[in-house]
């Protein structure tokens, strides 16, 4: 069986660094809530931070100015000793405490030759959701010119026997503790341990090799699909310039992810809602009604229908859609919005985590929020193997502030 996961060399800030300022949440969170990112910026100030090494999607319009500063920060942190190798040829065991509970993870590197995000892929590592190609260029620009990667990718494994991470966590007292600190802006608490002993690495590798595959699928990208797709695209651009020997070992061939067990009780599957800006809510529902009728669907389907709750300007309307050709309500809604947006280019669609955030945004004029039901993650692997990727932005692993925070770094260029 082809190997997918490898130990790596991971960099962390030098001793004495303010780790609460260092670690920040994933770049694709709070995109319609710029106040969050302004608070993060004030908290960090002049301190070293992963905030200076990423492009929050809230600021995509400023990418031409921000990306050179991102590359400069990476080079500066390497040159001045801010970042130092903390784990060499090993893994990092993590415990993240959030409102959902204590979640365990293992920071690893994956072989991008074993991953393919394209529709119809049969690779052992696969995307769980449709990839939006136009979301890749900004991330590619950050990665192509950077010496380092940091990662918010959560990769899932199906380990019902709790054989990979949990035995190691039970022995965490034997491991070197790397960090133990509160995350900024209600992100919970993070603890990390170095996993470098040969016997521990062998035990992890053997347990990973013994996991039951779902057909050809062995690992599924649960969060950070677009960031990992970006890493793959960058690797494919580099690969033709390398010799066979260089191809086998080049650091860009690998990408850093946090591996988690889909059976972890603290790993919650949450819906990703939609908010549309720049159009009257009543008029939009009329357009949705006409679309449904034209495509053989009813918005009053009754019990068993696909439920979508629409909120706007103090109103709430719950739709029950029957007759949809799509298996999930998110697929039905996204198909309508994709078609509708082609003839309403002035409107803007955002993907929002958390019902409270949706309701707050939808209180604005000419804004409508679509609240989607919670997905069932139990059959995720079988569903992806049988049917391919889910509609884009179907689910989220936890709420926005429970996403993986950027912490470890890794070189993706040769020294």
Protein backbone atom coordinates (compact mmCIF):
# COMPACT_ATOMS: atom_id res chain seq x y z
CA UNK A 1 0.00 0.00 0.00
CA UNK A 2 1.37 3.40 -0.98
CA UNK A 3 2.64 5.47 1.93
CA UNK A 4 0.94 8.85 2.34
CA UNK A 5 2.16 10.28 5.66
CA UNK A 6 5.69 11.09 6.81
CA UNK A 7 7.46 12.71 9.76
CA UNK A 8 8.79 16.20 9.20
CA UNK A 9 10.94 19.02 10.52
CA UNK A 10 8.77 21.64 12.21
CA UNK A 11 9.77 25.13 13.30
CA UNK A 12 8.41 26.97 16.32
CA UNK A 13 9.11 30.41 17.84
CA UNK A 14 12.14 30.65 20.10
CA UNK A 15 11.80 30.36 23.87
CA UNK A 16 10.22 33.37 25.51
CA UNK A 17 8.01 34.30 22.54
CA UNK A 18 4.42 35.37 23.15
CA UNK A 19 2.66 32.31 21.72
CA UNK A 20 -0.84 33.77 22.14
CA UNK A 21 0.21 36.53 19.76
CA UNK A 22 2.03 34.04 17.51
CA UNK A 23 -0.86 31.67 16.70
CA UNK A 24 -3.82 33.00 14.70
CA UNK A 25 -6.91 31.45 13.19
CA UNK A 26 -7.33 30.23 9.60
CA UNK A 27 -7.22 32.85 6.85
CA UNK A 28 -10.68 31.97 5.50
CA UNK A 29 -12.57 32.71 8.71
CA UNK A 30 -14.49 35.89 9.61
CA UNK A 31 -14.31 37.14 6.01
CA UNK A 32 -17.37 39.38 6.48
CA UNK A 33 -16.34 40.40 10.00
CA UNK A 34 -13.28 42.64 9.58
CA UNK A 35 -13.49 43.70 13.23
CA UNK A 36 -12.17 40.27 14.18
CA UNK A 37 -9.01 40.77 12.13
CA UNK A 38 -8.58 44.33 13.43
CA UNK A 39 -8.71 42.96 16.98
CA UNK A 40 -6.12 40.33 16.07
CA UNK A 41 -3.87 43.01 14.57
CA UNK A 42 -4.11 45.14 17.72
CA UNK A 43 -3.36 42.15 19.93
CA UNK A 44 -0.28 41.19 17.92
CA UNK A 45 1.14 44.69 17.51
CA UNK A 46 4.86 44.41 16.74
CA UNK A 47 5.25 40.88 18.12
CA UNK A 48 6.17 37.99 15.82
CA UNK A 49 3.01 36.29 14.59
CA UNK A 50 1.68 33.93 11.96
CA UNK A 51 -0.76 36.77 11.27
CA UNK A 52 2.11 38.40 9.37
CA UNK A 53 2.65 35.23 7.30
CA UNK A 54 -0.88 34.76 5.95
CA UNK A 55 -3.37 36.66 3.83
CA UNK A 56 -6.73 36.81 5.61
CA UNK A 57 -9.38 36.55 2.91
CA UNK A 58 -11.01 39.60 4.43
CA UNK A 59 -8.16 41.50 2.73
CA UNK A 60 -8.07 39.78 -0.66
CA UNK A 61 -8.53 43.15 -2.40
CA UNK A 62 -5.20 44.24 -0.88
CA UNK A 63 -3.22 41.17 -1.93
CA UNK A 64 -0.77 43.06 -4.17
CA UNK A 65 0.41 45.13 -1.20
CA UNK A 66 0.22 42.44 1.46
CA UNK A 67 1.90 39.46 -0.20
CA UNK A 68 5.42 41.03 -0.44
CA UNK A 69 5.18 41.85 3.28
CA UNK A 70 4.22 38.23 3.99
CA UNK A 71 7.32 36.94 2.23
CA UNK A 72 9.49 39.47 4.02
CA UNK A 73 8.13 38.36 7.39
CA UNK A 74 8.95 34.72 6.62
CA UNK A 75 12.52 35.58 5.65
CA UNK A 76 12.94 37.84 8.68
CA UNK A 77 11.73 35.21 11.15
CA UNK A 78 14.22 32.71 9.72
CA UNK A 79 17.12 35.17 9.57
CA UNK A 80 16.76 36.65 13.06
CA UNK A 81 16.18 33.35 14.84
CA UNK A 82 12.53 33.97 15.70
CA UNK A 83 11.78 30.56 14.19
CA UNK A 84 13.90 27.57 15.12
CA UNK A 85 13.67 23.83 14.37
CA UNK A 86 11.78 22.32 17.29
CA UNK A 87 11.06 18.82 15.94
CA UNK A 88 13.28 17.08 13.43
CA UNK A 89 12.15 13.90 11.66
CA UNK A 90 9.15 13.58 13.92
CA UNK A 91 5.53 14.48 14.56
CA UNK A 92 3.77 16.91 16.89
CA UNK A 93 1.01 15.60 19.16
CA UNK A 94 -1.61 18.26 19.93
CA UNK A 95 -4.47 18.72 22.36
CA UNK A 96 -6.87 21.57 21.61
CA UNK A 97 -9.47 22.53 24.20
CA UNK A 98 -12.52 24.32 22.77
CA UNK A 99 -16.20 24.62 23.76
CA UNK A 100 -16.72 21.34 21.87
CA UNK A 101 -14.24 19.50 24.13
CA UNK A 102 -10.63 18.33 24.06
CA UNK A 103 -9.66 17.47 20.47
CA UNK A 104 -6.53 15.49 19.63
CA UNK A 105 -4.39 15.90 16.53
CA UNK A 106 -1.07 14.91 15.05
CA UNK A 107 0.95 17.32 12.90
CA UNK A 108 2.42 15.37 9.98
CA UNK A 109 3.52 15.89 6.39
CA UNK A 110 1.68 14.30 3.49
CA UNK A 111 3.04 13.33 0.10
CA UNK A 112 1.29 15.51 -2.47
CA UNK A 113 1.87 12.79 -5.06
CA UNK A 114 -0.77 10.79 -3.16
CA UNK A 115 -3.32 13.62 -3.21
CA UNK A 116 -5.62 14.93 -5.92
CA UNK A 117 -8.42 17.44 -5.39
CA UNK A 118 -9.96 17.18 -8.86
CA UNK A 119 -13.43 15.80 -9.40
CA UNK A 120 -13.43 12.05 -9.99
CA UNK A 121 -10.11 11.53 -8.25
CA UNK A 122 -9.31 8.05 -6.92
CA UNK A 123 -6.19 9.11 -5.04
CA UNK A 124 -5.67 7.84 -1.47
CA UNK A 125 -5.86 11.42 -0.12
CA UNK A 126 -8.84 13.30 -1.44
CA UNK A 127 -10.84 16.51 -1.05
CA UNK A 128 -14.21 16.16 0.65
CA UNK A 129 -15.68 19.24 -1.05
CA UNK A 130 -15.70 20.76 -4.50
CA UNK A 131 -12.73 23.07 -5.06
CA UNK A 132 -13.45 26.61 -6.22
CA UNK A 133 -10.63 27.26 -8.68
CA UNK A 134 -10.86 31.05 -8.48
CA UNK A 135 -10.03 30.89 -4.77
CA UNK A 136 -6.58 29.44 -5.47
CA UNK A 137 -4.55 32.27 -7.13
CA UNK A 138 -4.10 34.41 -3.99
CA UNK A 139 -2.98 31.42 -1.92
CA UNK A 140 -0.69 30.25 -4.72
CA UNK A 141 0.92 33.70 -4.82
CA UNK A 142 1.63 33.49 -1.08
CA UNK A 143 3.09 29.99 -1.30
CA UNK A 144 5.10 30.36 -4.51
CA UNK A 145 7.17 33.23 -3.18
CA UNK A 146 7.47 32.02 0.39
CA UNK A 147 10.21 30.11 2.17
CA UNK A 148 7.79 28.68 4.74
CA UNK A 149 4.39 27.12 5.06
CA UNK A 150 2.14 27.18 8.05
CA UNK A 151 -1.09 25.27 7.90
CA UNK A 152 -4.73 25.29 8.93
CA UNK A 153 -5.48 22.03 7.09
CA UNK A 154 -7.30 19.36 9.10
CA UNK A 155 -7.05 15.91 7.52
CA UNK A 156 -9.34 13.12 8.68
CA UNK A 157 -8.74 9.42 9.18
CA UNK A 158 -11.30 6.74 9.97
CA UNK A 159 -9.87 5.13 13.11
CA UNK A 160 -12.78 3.57 15.06
CA UNK A 161 -10.34 1.58 17.22
CA UNK A 162 -8.51 4.77 18.33
CA UNK A 163 -5.20 3.17 17.39
CA UNK A 164 -3.10 6.05 16.01
CA UNK A 165 -3.21 9.14 18.23
CA UNK A 166 -4.91 8.04 21.43
CA UNK A 167 -2.26 5.51 22.62
CA UNK A 168 0.38 8.20 22.19
CA UNK A 169 -1.70 10.75 24.09
CA UNK A 170 -2.02 8.29 26.97
CA UNK A 171 1.79 8.36 27.22
CA UNK A 172 2.13 12.14 26.78
CA UNK A 173 3.91 12.44 30.12
CA UNK A 174 6.91 10.72 28.50
CA UNK A 175 7.10 13.27 25.69
CA UNK A 176 8.79 16.68 25.54
CA UNK A 177 6.20 19.44 25.92
CA UNK A 178 6.69 22.06 23.21
CA UNK A 179 4.03 24.60 24.15
CA UNK A 180 1.05 25.13 26.47
CA UNK A 181 -0.86 28.40 26.13
CA UNK A 182 -4.24 30.10 25.53
CA UNK A 183 -5.15 30.96 21.94
CA UNK A 184 -6.16 34.49 21.05
CA UNK A 185 -9.74 35.74 20.76
CA UNK A 186 -11.57 32.86 22.44
CA UNK A 187 -9.77 30.16 20.49
CA UNK A 188 -9.40 27.86 23.49
CA UNK A 189 -6.16 26.33 24.74
CA UNK A 190 -3.40 24.51 22.88
CA UNK A 191 -0.79 22.02 24.12
CA UNK A 192 1.83 20.36 21.93
CA UNK A 193 4.36 17.54 22.41
CA UNK A 194 7.34 16.43 20.33
CA UNK A 195 7.15 12.89 18.97
CA UNK A 196 10.68 11.94 17.97
CA UNK A 197 11.50 8.60 19.63
CA UNK A 198 11.96 5.89 16.99
CA UNK A 199 9.59 3.50 18.78
CA UNK A 200 6.82 6.09 18.86
CA UNK A 201 7.25 6.94 15.19
CA UNK A 202 7.19 3.25 14.25
CA UNK A 203 4.01 2.71 16.30
CA UNK A 204 2.28 5.61 14.53
CA UNK A 205 3.41 4.49 11.09
CA UNK A 206 2.30 0.89 11.73
CA UNK A 207 -1.11 2.01 13.02
CA UNK A 208 -1.63 4.28 10.02
CA UNK A 209 -0.75 1.47 7.62
CA UNK A 210 -3.31 -0.80 9.32
CA UNK A 211 -6.27 1.58 8.91
CA UNK A 212 -9.08 0.18 6.79
CA UNK A 213 -9.32 1.99 3.46
CA UNK A 214 -12.68 2.96 1.96
CA UNK A 215 -12.08 1.64 -1.52
CA UNK A 216 -9.12 3.69 -2.72
CA UNK A 217 -9.77 6.47 -0.18
CA UNK A 218 -7.58 6.44 2.95
CA UNK A 219 -7.52 10.06 4.17
CA UNK A 220 -10.02 12.88 3.61
CA UNK A 221 -9.36 16.62 3.82
CA UNK A 222 -11.85 17.85 6.40
CA UNK A 223 -10.86 21.51 6.46
CA UNK A 224 -8.49 23.63 4.40
CA UNK A 225 -9.37 22.03 1.07
CA UNK A 226 -8.30 25.12 -0.86
CA UNK A 227 -5.01 25.55 0.98
CA UNK A 228 -4.03 21.96 0.24
CA UNK A 229 -5.14 22.34 -3.38
CA UNK A 230 -2.84 25.37 -3.55
CA UNK A 231 0.09 23.30 -2.25
CA UNK A 232 -0.63 20.67 -4.91
CA UNK A 233 -0.80 23.27 -7.69
CA UNK A 234 2.52 24.78 -6.61
CA UNK A 235 4.17 21.36 -6.49
CA UNK A 236 2.95 20.50 -9.97
CA UNK A 237 4.49 23.76 -11.23
CA UNK A 238 7.86 22.98 -9.62
CA UNK A 239 8.07 19.29 -10.50
CA UNK A 240 8.95 19.64 -14.22
CA UNK A 241 12.05 21.66 -13.31
CA UNK A 242 13.53 18.90 -11.12
CA UNK A 243 15.62 15.81 -11.73
CA UNK A 244 14.19 12.44 -10.58
CA UNK A 245 16.43 12.53 -7.50
CA UNK A 246 15.31 16.06 -6.64
CA UNK A 247 11.68 15.15 -7.21
CA UNK A 248 11.87 12.42 -4.58
CA UNK A 249 13.07 14.69 -1.78
CA UNK A 250 12.14 18.28 -2.61
CA UNK A 251 10.39 19.87 0.42
CA UNK A 252 7.61 21.31 -1.78
CA UNK A 253 6.52 17.75 -2.59
CA UNK A 254 5.16 17.54 0.95
CA UNK A 255 2.61 19.60 2.84
CA UNK A 256 1.98 20.02 6.56
CA UNK A 257 -1.44 19.07 7.95
CA UNK A 258 -3.02 18.19 11.26
CA UNK A 259 -4.35 14.63 11.22
CA UNK A 260 -7.48 13.96 13.30
CA UNK A 261 -9.68 10.97 13.96
CA UNK A 262 -13.21 11.38 12.61
CA UNK A 263 -14.41 9.48 15.71
CA UNK A 264 -13.03 12.09 18.13
CA UNK A 265 -16.00 13.21 20.26
CA UNK A 266 -14.80 16.83 20.18
CA UNK A 267 -14.70 16.90 16.38
CA UNK A 268 -18.06 18.44 15.51
CA UNK A 269 -19.52 18.83 12.04
CA UNK A 270 -21.20 22.21 11.63
CA UNK A 271 -23.02 23.63 8.59
CA UNK A 272 -21.50 26.44 6.58
CA UNK A 273 -24.26 28.95 6.00
CA UNK A 274 -24.61 31.47 3.16
CA UNK A 275 -25.15 35.23 3.32
CA UNK A 276 -25.96 37.21 0.16
CA UNK A 277 -25.34 40.95 0.15
CA UNK A 278 -26.76 43.58 -2.16
CA UNK A 279 -30.27 42.36 -2.99
CA UNK A 280 -33.74 42.57 -1.47
CA UNK A 281 -34.71 39.44 0.46
CA UNK A 282 -38.31 39.26 -0.74
CA UNK A 283 -37.22 39.63 -4.36
CA UNK A 284 -34.57 36.93 -3.93
CA UNK A 285 -37.12 34.47 -2.52
CA UNK A 286 -39.37 35.21 -5.49
CA UNK A 287 -36.44 34.38 -7.78
CA UNK A 288 -35.80 31.16 -5.83
CA UNK A 289 -39.47 30.20 -6.14
CA UNK A 290 -39.35 30.72 -9.91
CA UNK A 291 -36.12 28.71 -10.17
CA UNK A 292 -37.64 25.82 -8.20
CA UNK A 293 -40.77 25.75 -10.37
CA UNK A 294 -38.72 25.85 -13.57
CA UNK A 295 -36.66 22.87 -12.35
CA UNK A 296 -39.49 20.66 -11.12
CA UNK A 297 -39.13 21.45 -7.43
CA UNK A 298 -41.53 22.67 -4.76
CA UNK A 299 -40.62 24.95 -1.85
CA UNK A 300 -43.43 23.57 0.31
CA UNK A 301 -42.45 19.94 0.23
CA UNK A 302 -43.61 19.04 3.73
CA UNK A 303 -42.07 16.31 5.91
CA UNK A 304 -38.88 14.88 4.47
CA UNK A 305 -38.16 17.94 2.38
CA UNK A 306 -34.79 19.69 2.33
CA UNK A 307 -35.06 22.46 4.91
CA UNK A 308 -33.40 25.86 4.46
CA UNK A 309 -34.20 28.78 6.77
CA UNK A 310 -33.99 32.26 5.25
CA UNK A 311 -33.50 35.29 7.51
CA UNK A 312 -33.53 38.93 6.44
CA UNK A 313 -34.50 42.28 7.96
CA UNK A 314 -36.26 40.73 10.93
CA UNK A 315 -38.10 38.09 8.89
CA UNK A 316 -37.66 34.32 8.94
CA UNK A 317 -38.94 31.92 6.30
CA UNK A 318 -38.31 28.16 6.41
CA UNK A 319 -38.40 26.38 3.06
CA UNK A 320 -39.01 22.65 2.65
CA UNK A 321 -37.80 21.70 -0.81
CA UNK A 322 -38.98 18.56 -2.56
CA UNK A 323 -38.11 17.22 -5.98
CA UNK A 324 -34.48 18.39 -5.95
CA UNK A 325 -31.96 16.48 -8.06
CA UNK A 326 -29.36 17.21 -5.37
CA UNK A 327 -28.98 14.93 -2.38
CA UNK A 328 -28.34 17.70 0.16
CA UNK A 329 -30.02 21.06 0.76
CA UNK A 330 -26.66 22.79 0.41
CA UNK A 331 -26.36 21.39 -3.12
CA UNK A 332 -29.83 22.63 -4.05
CA UNK A 333 -29.18 26.09 -2.65
CA UNK A 334 -25.71 26.41 -4.19
CA UNK A 335 -26.97 25.40 -7.65
CA UNK A 336 -29.57 28.18 -7.49
CA UNK A 337 -27.10 30.79 -6.19
CA UNK A 338 -24.47 29.92 -8.80
CA UNK A 339 -26.98 30.41 -11.61
CA UNK A 340 -28.52 33.50 -10.03
CA UNK A 341 -25.18 35.25 -9.47
CA UNK A 342 -24.28 35.00 -13.14
CA UNK A 343 -27.08 37.47 -13.93
CA UNK A 344 -26.69 39.55 -10.74
CA UNK A 345 -22.95 40.31 -10.65
CA UNK A 346 -23.37 43.28 -8.30
CA UNK A 347 -24.49 40.99 -5.46
CA UNK A 348 -21.92 39.26 -3.25
CA UNK A 349 -22.08 35.83 -1.61
CA UNK A 350 -20.16 34.87 1.52
CA UNK A 351 -19.84 31.60 3.43
CA UNK A 352 -20.37 32.16 7.14
CA UNK A 353 -19.85 29.98 10.22
CA UNK A 354 -22.30 30.23 13.09
CA UNK A 355 -26.01 30.99 13.16
CA UNK A 356 -25.48 34.08 15.32
CA UNK A 357 -23.10 35.62 12.80
CA UNK A 358 -25.58 34.97 9.97
CA UNK A 359 -28.47 36.56 11.84
CA UNK A 360 -26.36 39.60 12.72
CA UNK A 361 -25.26 40.14 9.13
CA UNK A 362 -28.77 39.50 7.76
CA UNK A 363 -30.17 42.33 9.88
CA UNK A 364 -28.55 44.76 7.42
CA UNK A 365 -30.61 46.13 4.52
CA UNK A 366 -30.55 44.16 1.25
CA UNK A 367 -28.93 41.16 2.93
CA UNK A 368 -30.33 37.65 3.26
CA UNK A 369 -28.94 34.74 5.26
CA UNK A 370 -29.52 31.07 4.46
CA UNK A 371 -29.27 28.76 7.48
CA UNK A 372 -28.52 25.14 6.60
CA UNK A 373 -29.03 21.98 8.70
CA UNK A 374 -26.17 20.29 10.50
CA UNK A 375 -24.53 17.60 8.32
CA UNK A 376 -23.90 14.02 9.42
CA UNK A 377 -20.17 13.24 9.33
CA UNK A 378 -20.55 9.55 10.18
CA UNK A 379 -20.67 8.35 6.58
CA UNK A 380 -18.29 10.95 5.14
CA UNK A 381 -15.65 8.49 3.89
CA UNK A 382 -18.13 6.14 2.25
CA UNK A 383 -20.00 9.07 0.69
CA UNK A 384 -16.85 10.60 -0.82
CA UNK A 385 -15.67 7.22 -2.11
CA UNK A 386 -19.05 6.43 -3.66
CA UNK A 387 -20.16 9.83 -4.92
CA UNK A 388 -17.09 12.06 -5.06
CA UNK A 389 -16.67 15.45 -3.44
CA UNK A 390 -19.58 17.09 -1.65
CA UNK A 391 -20.87 20.49 -2.79
CA UNK A 392 -18.39 23.21 -1.91
CA UNK A 393 -18.59 24.65 1.59
CA UNK A 394 -20.88 21.88 2.83
CA UNK A 395 -19.55 21.50 6.36
CA UNK A 396 -17.16 22.97 8.88
CA UNK A 397 -15.22 21.16 11.59
CA UNK A 398 -16.37 23.21 14.55
CA UNK A 399 -17.28 26.88 14.70
CA UNK A 400 -15.04 29.61 13.29
CA UNK A 401 -12.98 30.10 16.47
CA UNK A 402 -12.49 26.31 16.76
CA UNK A 403 -10.62 26.08 13.46
CA UNK A 404 -7.00 25.05 13.48
CA UNK A 405 -4.77 27.98 14.41
CA UNK A 406 -1.50 28.44 12.54
CA UNK A 407 1.28 27.29 14.87
CA UNK A 408 4.09 25.13 13.46
CA UNK A 409 6.02 26.20 10.37
CA UNK A 410 7.92 24.18 7.81
CA UNK A 411 10.43 25.05 5.08
CA UNK A 412 9.18 24.48 1.53
CA UNK A 413 12.34 25.68 -0.20
CA UNK A 414 15.79 24.13 -0.06
CA UNK A 415 18.08 25.76 2.49
